Amino acid sequence: MLKKPWLHFLVLGLFLFTAGRWAFPVPKPMLGPPNAARLQAMTRELQPIQSR
């Protein structure tokens, strides 16, 4: 099917790039200071990591 090495490289590169964008999307920026509920959620998420 794909007999040219450069075409293999191009197809594989496009596939890996697309898979990477799908698996690890760019995070949305947080604008402004977090509210109290967000601070509590961040604290709860951080506690198990710090207790290791």
N, C-alpha and C. Protein backbone atom coordinates (compact mmCIF):
# COMPACT_ATOMS: atom_id res chain seq x y z
N MET A 1 0.83 -1.19 0.00
CA MET A 1 0.00 0.00 0.00
C MET A 1 0.88 1.26 0.00
N LEU A 2 1.63 1.49 1.09
CA LEU A 2 2.51 2.65 1.13
C LEU A 2 3.93 2.18 0.82
N LYS A 3 4.38 2.44 -0.38
CA LYS A 3 5.69 1.94 -0.80
C LYS A 3 6.80 2.98 -0.68
N LYS A 4 6.44 4.20 -0.36
CA LYS A 4 7.44 5.26 -0.27
C LYS A 4 7.72 5.56 1.19
N PRO A 5 9.00 5.57 1.62
CA PRO A 5 9.33 5.83 3.02
C PRO A 5 8.86 7.21 3.50
N TRP A 6 8.96 8.21 2.66
CA TRP A 6 8.53 9.55 3.08
C TRP A 6 7.03 9.60 3.34
N LEU A 7 6.27 8.76 2.60
CA LEU A 7 4.83 8.71 2.82
C LEU A 7 4.50 8.01 4.14
N HIS A 8 5.27 6.96 4.46
CA HIS A 8 5.14 6.31 5.77
C HIS A 8 5.38 7.33 6.88
N PHE A 9 6.46 8.07 6.76
CA PHE A 9 6.83 9.08 7.75
C PHE A 9 5.72 10.12 7.91
N LEU A 10 5.19 10.59 6.80
CA LEU A 10 4.15 11.61 6.83
C LEU A 10 2.87 11.08 7.46
N VAL A 11 2.44 9.88 7.07
CA VAL A 11 1.20 9.32 7.61
C VAL A 11 1.35 9.01 9.09
N LEU A 12 2.47 8.40 9.48
CA LEU A 12 2.69 8.08 10.88
C LEU A 12 2.80 9.36 11.72
N GLY A 13 3.50 10.36 11.22
CA GLY A 13 3.62 11.62 11.93
C GLY A 13 2.27 12.30 12.11
N LEU A 14 1.46 12.29 11.09
CA LEU A 14 0.13 12.89 11.18
C LEU A 14 -0.73 12.13 12.18
N PHE A 15 -0.64 10.80 12.14
CA PHE A 15 -1.41 9.98 13.09
C PHE A 15 -0.98 10.26 14.53
N LEU A 16 0.33 10.29 14.78
CA LEU A 16 0.82 10.52 16.14
C LEU A 16 0.48 11.93 16.63
N PHE A 17 0.57 12.89 15.76
CA PHE A 17 0.23 14.26 16.13
C PHE A 17 -1.25 14.36 16.50
N THR A 18 -2.11 13.76 15.69
CA THR A 18 -3.55 13.79 15.96
C THR A 18 -3.88 13.03 17.23
N ALA A 19 -3.26 11.87 17.43
CA ALA A 19 -3.51 11.08 18.64
C ALA A 19 -3.04 11.84 19.88
N GLY A 20 -1.92 12.51 19.80
CA GLY A 20 -1.42 13.29 20.92
C GLY A 20 -2.33 14.45 21.27
N ARG A 21 -2.85 15.12 20.25
CA ARG A 21 -3.78 16.23 20.50
C ARG A 21 -5.08 15.73 21.10
N TRP A 22 -5.52 14.55 20.67
CA TRP A 22 -6.77 13.98 21.19
C TRP A 22 -6.58 13.50 22.63
N ALA A 23 -5.46 12.82 22.91
CA ALA A 23 -5.22 12.25 24.24
C ALA A 23 -4.85 13.31 25.27
N PHE A 24 -4.13 14.33 24.85
CA PHE A 24 -3.66 15.38 25.76
C PHE A 24 -4.03 16.75 25.21
N PRO A 25 -5.30 17.15 25.35
CA PRO A 25 -5.69 18.45 24.80
C PRO A 25 -5.04 19.59 25.58
N VAL A 26 -4.93 20.71 24.93
CA VAL A 26 -4.36 21.90 25.55
C VAL A 26 -5.33 22.37 26.64
N PRO A 27 -4.85 22.53 27.88
CA PRO A 27 -5.76 22.94 28.95
C PRO A 27 -6.25 24.37 28.76
N LYS A 28 -7.48 24.59 29.20
CA LYS A 28 -8.04 25.94 29.11
C LYS A 28 -7.42 26.81 30.21
N PRO A 29 -7.10 28.05 29.90
CA PRO A 29 -6.50 28.92 30.92
C PRO A 29 -7.52 29.29 32.00
N MET A 30 -7.02 29.42 33.22
CA MET A 30 -7.85 29.90 34.32
C MET A 30 -7.65 31.41 34.43
N LEU A 31 -8.71 32.14 34.24
CA LEU A 31 -8.62 33.59 34.29
C LEU A 31 -9.13 34.08 35.64
N GLY A 32 -8.41 35.00 36.21
CA GLY A 32 -8.83 35.59 37.47
C GLY A 32 -8.52 34.69 38.65
N PRO A 33 -8.71 35.22 39.83
CA PRO A 33 -8.44 34.43 41.04
C PRO A 33 -9.51 33.35 41.22
N PRO A 34 -9.13 32.18 41.76
CA PRO A 34 -10.12 31.12 41.96
C PRO A 34 -11.06 31.48 43.11
N ASN A 35 -12.29 30.99 43.01
CA ASN A 35 -13.25 31.25 44.08
C ASN A 35 -13.03 30.26 45.23
N ALA A 36 -13.78 30.39 46.30
CA ALA A 36 -13.57 29.58 47.50
C ALA A 36 -13.81 28.09 47.22
N ALA A 37 -14.80 27.77 46.43
CA ALA A 37 -15.07 26.36 46.13
C ALA A 37 -13.92 25.74 45.34
N ARG A 38 -13.37 26.50 44.43
CA ARG A 38 -12.24 25.99 43.63
C ARG A 38 -11.01 25.80 44.51
N LEU A 39 -10.77 26.71 45.44
CA LEU A 39 -9.64 26.57 46.36
C LEU A 39 -9.78 25.32 47.23
N GLN A 40 -10.99 25.06 47.70
CA GLN A 40 -11.21 23.86 48.50
C GLN A 40 -10.99 22.60 47.67
N ALA A 41 -11.44 22.59 46.44
CA ALA A 41 -11.24 21.43 45.56
C ALA A 41 -9.76 21.21 45.28
N MET A 42 -9.03 22.29 45.05
CA MET A 42 -7.59 22.17 44.79
C MET A 42 -6.87 21.64 46.03
N THR A 43 -7.30 22.07 47.22
CA THR A 43 -6.71 21.60 48.47
C THR A 43 -6.96 20.11 48.66
N ARG A 44 -8.21 19.68 48.39
CA ARG A 44 -8.54 18.26 48.51
C ARG A 44 -7.73 17.40 47.54
N GLU A 45 -7.51 17.90 46.33
CA GLU A 45 -6.74 17.16 45.33
C GLU A 45 -5.26 17.10 45.71
N LEU A 46 -4.77 18.12 46.37
CA LEU A 46 -3.35 18.19 46.71
C LEU A 46 -2.97 17.38 47.95
N GLN A 47 -3.90 17.23 48.88
CA GLN A 47 -3.59 16.53 50.13
C GLN A 47 -3.09 15.10 49.94
N PRO A 48 -3.71 14.26 49.11
CA PRO A 48 -3.18 12.90 48.93
C PRO A 48 -1.77 12.87 48.33
N ILE A 49 -1.49 13.84 47.49
CA ILE A 49 -0.17 13.89 46.85
C ILE A 49 0.90 14.26 47.89
N GLN A 50 0.58 15.20 48.77
CA GLN A 50 1.54 15.64 49.77
C GLN A 50 1.74 14.63 50.88
N SER A 51 0.78 13.77 51.13
CA SER A 51 0.89 12.83 52.25
C SER A 51 1.69 11.60 51.88
N ARG A 52 2.16 11.48 50.67
CA ARG A 52 2.94 10.30 50.25
C ARG A 52 4.31 10.30 50.87
